Amino acid sequence: MEAGMDAVWDEVNQVSDSTFPGWRSVHLLYWSTAIAGEVGEFCNLAKKREEGGSRAAEVTKDSLVEELADVYIYLQKTVECLGTGRSEFSAMVRAKLAKIQSRQGLNG
């Protein structure tokens, strides 16, 4: 992750600590449900945008990205609650990207 995302990671933790004390000890089912809910909200907006009905105009790029920001926040909190920090998670993401490239016959 780039330095900017490192700062975002820290900020998510700081805001979470001040607004939801004890969040790190919340059950995994809570976090997985939270992620699913936010992904669902994103998908619902995308559906409205693609169907082109009267409500499609309400769905902006910003509203879609805002839902993805919620997904990111809950994803990060889930990673933290599993006892995995930023560095370890970044390494796992990079390893996964390398696997994808390898399967596609690409060199990273």
C-alpha atoms as a PDB file:
ATOM      1  CA  MET A   1       0.000   0.000   0.000  1.00  0.00           C
ATOM      2  CA  GLU A   2       1.179   3.465  -0.716  1.00  0.00           C
ATOM      3  CA  ALA A   3       2.005   5.896   2.095  1.00  0.00           C
ATOM      4  CA  GLY A   4      -1.372   7.614   1.694  1.00  0.00           C
ATOM      5  CA  MET A   5      -3.205   4.380   2.389  1.00  0.00           C
ATOM      6  CA  ASP A   6      -1.006   3.786   5.428  1.00  0.00           C
ATOM      7  CA  ALA A   7      -2.314   7.056   6.845  1.00  0.00           C
ATOM      8  CA  VAL A   8      -5.883   6.045   5.978  1.00  0.00           C
ATOM      9  CA  TRP A   9      -5.393   2.719   7.777  1.00  0.00           C
ATOM     10  CA  ASP A  10      -4.244   4.548  10.893  1.00  0.00           C
ATOM     11  CA  GLU A  11      -7.106   7.043  10.672  1.00  0.00           C
ATOM     12  CA  VAL A  12      -9.719   4.286  10.378  1.00  0.00           C
ATOM     13  CA  ASN A  13      -8.302   2.724  13.546  1.00  0.00           C
ATOM     14  CA  GLN A  14      -8.222   6.057  15.392  1.00  0.00           C
ATOM     15  CA  VAL A  15     -11.786   6.987  14.455  1.00  0.00           C
ATOM     16  CA  SER A  16     -12.958   3.493  15.334  1.00  0.00           C
ATOM     17  CA  ASP A  17     -11.221   3.672  18.715  1.00  0.00           C
ATOM     18  CA  SER A  18     -12.959   6.959  19.537  1.00  0.00           C
ATOM     19  CA  THR A  19     -16.422   6.109  18.186  1.00  0.00           C
ATOM     20  CA  PHE A  20     -16.689   2.384  18.920  1.00  0.00           C
ATOM     21  CA  PRO A  21     -14.487   1.486  21.912  1.00  0.00           C
ATOM     22  CA  GLY A  22     -13.932  -2.234  22.108  1.00  0.00           C
ATOM     23  CA  TRP A  23     -14.469  -2.774  18.377  1.00  0.00           C
ATOM     24  CA  ARG A  24     -11.462  -5.064  18.173  1.00  0.00           C
ATOM     25  CA  SER A  25     -13.192  -7.623  20.395  1.00  0.00           C
ATOM     26  CA  VAL A  26     -16.451  -7.754  18.414  1.00  0.00           C
ATOM     27  CA  HIS A  27     -17.393 -11.164  17.011  1.00  0.00           C
ATOM     28  CA  LEU A  28     -16.341 -12.022  13.455  1.00  0.00           C
ATOM     29  CA  LEU A  29     -19.961 -12.597  12.438  1.00  0.00           C
ATOM     30  CA  TYR A  30     -20.677  -8.900  13.099  1.00  0.00           C
ATOM     31  CA  TRP A  31     -17.888  -7.790  10.765  1.00  0.00           C
ATOM     32  CA  SER A  32     -18.700 -10.279   8.023  1.00  0.00           C
ATOM     33  CA  THR A  33     -22.341  -9.168   8.118  1.00  0.00           C
ATOM     34  CA  ALA A  34     -21.269  -5.511   8.025  1.00  0.00           C
ATOM     35  CA  ILE A  35     -19.123  -6.144   4.931  1.00  0.00           C
ATOM     36  CA  ALA A  36     -21.956  -8.026   3.232  1.00  0.00           C
ATOM     37  CA  GLY A  37     -24.388  -5.217   4.035  1.00  0.00           C
ATOM     38  CA  GLU A  38     -22.162  -2.545   2.544  1.00  0.00           C
ATOM     39  CA  VAL A  39     -21.446  -4.629  -0.569  1.00  0.00           C
ATOM     40  CA  GLY A  40     -25.206  -5.084  -0.874  1.00  0.00           C
ATOM     41  CA  GLU A  41     -25.762  -1.326  -0.685  1.00  0.00           C
ATOM     42  CA  PHE A  42     -23.169  -0.800  -3.423  1.00  0.00           C
ATOM     43  CA  CYS A  43     -24.781  -3.494  -5.594  1.00  0.00           C
ATOM     44  CA  ASN A  44     -28.230  -1.986  -5.116  1.00  0.00           C
ATOM     45  CA  LEU A  45     -27.010   1.417  -6.264  1.00  0.00           C
ATOM     46  CA  ALA A  46     -25.216  -0.140  -9.246  1.00  0.00           C
ATOM     47  CA  LYS A  47     -28.419  -1.989 -10.176  1.00  0.00           C
ATOM     48  CA  LYS A  48     -30.440   1.244 -10.038  1.00  0.00           C
ATOM     49  CA  ARG A  49     -27.870   2.994 -12.202  1.00  0.00           C
ATOM     50  CA  GLU A  50     -27.771   0.237 -14.803  1.00  0.00           C
ATOM     51  CA  GLU A  51     -31.526  -0.310 -15.071  1.00  0.00           C
ATOM     52  CA  GLY A  52     -31.880   3.274 -16.237  1.00  0.00           C
ATOM     53  CA  GLY A  53     -35.197   3.993 -14.528  1.00  0.00           C
ATOM     54  CA  SER A  54     -36.234   7.263 -13.001  1.00  0.00           C
ATOM     55  CA  ARG A  55     -33.991   6.682  -9.978  1.00  0.00           C
ATOM     56  CA  ALA A  56     -30.852   6.076 -12.062  1.00  0.00           C
ATOM     57  CA  ALA A  57     -30.008   9.781 -12.060  1.00  0.00           C
ATOM     58  CA  GLU A  58     -29.793   9.693  -8.242  1.00  0.00           C
ATOM     59  CA  VAL A  59     -26.865   7.293  -8.441  1.00  0.00           C
ATOM     60  CA  THR A  60     -23.637   9.187  -8.923  1.00  0.00           C
ATOM     61  CA  LYS A  61     -20.071   8.027  -9.131  1.00  0.00           C
ATOM     62  CA  ASP A  62     -19.548   9.618  -5.707  1.00  0.00           C
ATOM     63  CA  SER A  63     -22.434   7.673  -4.152  1.00  0.00           C
ATOM     64  CA  LEU A  64     -21.011   4.420  -5.524  1.00  0.00           C
ATOM     65  CA  VAL A  65     -17.500   5.190  -4.305  1.00  0.00           C
ATOM     66  CA  GLU A  66     -18.870   6.218  -0.901  1.00  0.00           C
ATOM     67  CA  GLU A  67     -20.367   2.736  -0.504  1.00  0.00           C
ATOM     68  CA  LEU A  68     -17.019   1.224  -1.485  1.00  0.00           C
ATOM     69  CA  ALA A  69     -15.380   3.367   1.198  1.00  0.00           C
ATOM     70  CA  ASP A  70     -17.756   1.759   3.712  1.00  0.00           C
ATOM     71  CA  VAL A  71     -16.741  -1.663   2.389  1.00  0.00           C
ATOM     72  CA  TYR A  72     -13.075  -0.729   2.850  1.00  0.00           C
ATOM     73  CA  ILE A  73     -13.605   0.484   6.422  1.00  0.00           C
ATOM     74  CA  TYR A  74     -15.382  -2.700   7.464  1.00  0.00           C
ATOM     75  CA  LEU A  75     -12.863  -4.848   5.606  1.00  0.00           C
ATOM     76  CA  GLN A  76     -10.003  -3.179   7.422  1.00  0.00           C
ATOM     77  CA  LYS A  77     -11.713  -3.516  10.776  1.00  0.00           C
ATOM     78  CA  THR A  78     -12.272  -7.212  10.072  1.00  0.00           C
ATOM     79  CA  VAL A  79      -8.606  -7.672   9.195  1.00  0.00           C
ATOM     80  CA  GLU A  80      -7.618  -5.951  12.445  1.00  0.00           C
ATOM     81  CA  CYS A  81     -10.062  -8.031  14.485  1.00  0.00           C
ATOM     82  CA  LEU A  82      -8.469 -11.178  13.066  1.00  0.00           C
ATOM     83  CA  GLY A  83      -5.181  -9.987  14.526  1.00  0.00           C
ATOM     84  CA  THR A  84      -3.639  -9.073  11.183  1.00  0.00           C
ATOM     85  CA  GLY A  85      -2.042  -5.657  10.850  1.00  0.00           C
ATOM     86  CA  ARG A  86      -1.492  -3.400   7.889  1.00  0.00           C
ATOM     87  CA  SER A  87       1.933  -4.775   6.944  1.00  0.00           C
ATOM     88  CA  GLU A  88       0.896  -8.406   7.089  1.00  0.00           C
ATOM     89  CA  PHE A  89      -2.300  -7.708   5.145  1.00  0.00           C
ATOM     90  CA  SER A  90      -0.381  -5.750   2.502  1.00  0.00           C
ATOM     91  CA  ALA A  91       2.002  -8.693   2.112  1.00  0.00           C
ATOM     92  CA  MET A  92      -0.957 -11.055   1.713  1.00  0.00           C
ATOM     93  CA  VAL A  93      -2.522  -8.830  -0.947  1.00  0.00           C
ATOM     94  CA  ARG A  94       0.764  -8.682  -2.839  1.00  0.00           C
ATOM     95  CA  ALA A  95       1.149 -12.467  -2.608  1.00  0.00           C
ATOM     96  CA  LYS A  96      -2.371 -12.898  -3.956  1.00  0.00           C
ATOM     97  CA  LEU A  97      -1.641 -10.534  -6.848  1.00  0.00           C
ATOM     98  CA  ALA A  98       1.503 -12.540  -7.642  1.00  0.00           C
ATOM     99  CA  LYS A  99      -0.596 -15.744  -7.717  1.00  0.00           C
ATOM    100  CA  ILE A 100      -3.067 -14.129 -10.098  1.00  0.00           C
ATOM    101  CA  GLN A 101      -0.263 -12.978 -12.373  1.00  0.00           C
ATOM    102  CA  SER A 102       1.322 -16.418 -12.270  1.00  0.00           C
ATOM    103  CA  ARG A 103      -1.950 -18.107 -13.234  1.00  0.00           C
ATOM    104  CA  GLN A 104      -2.239 -15.718 -16.168  1.00  0.00           C
ATOM    105  CA  GLY A 105       1.340 -16.344 -17.263  1.00  0.00           C
ATOM    106  CA  LEU A 106       2.409 -12.817 -16.395  1.00  0.00           C
ATOM    107  CA  ASN A 107       5.564 -11.781 -14.590  1.00  0.00           C
ATOM    108  CA  GLY A 108       5.157  -9.415 -11.643  1.00  0.00           C
END
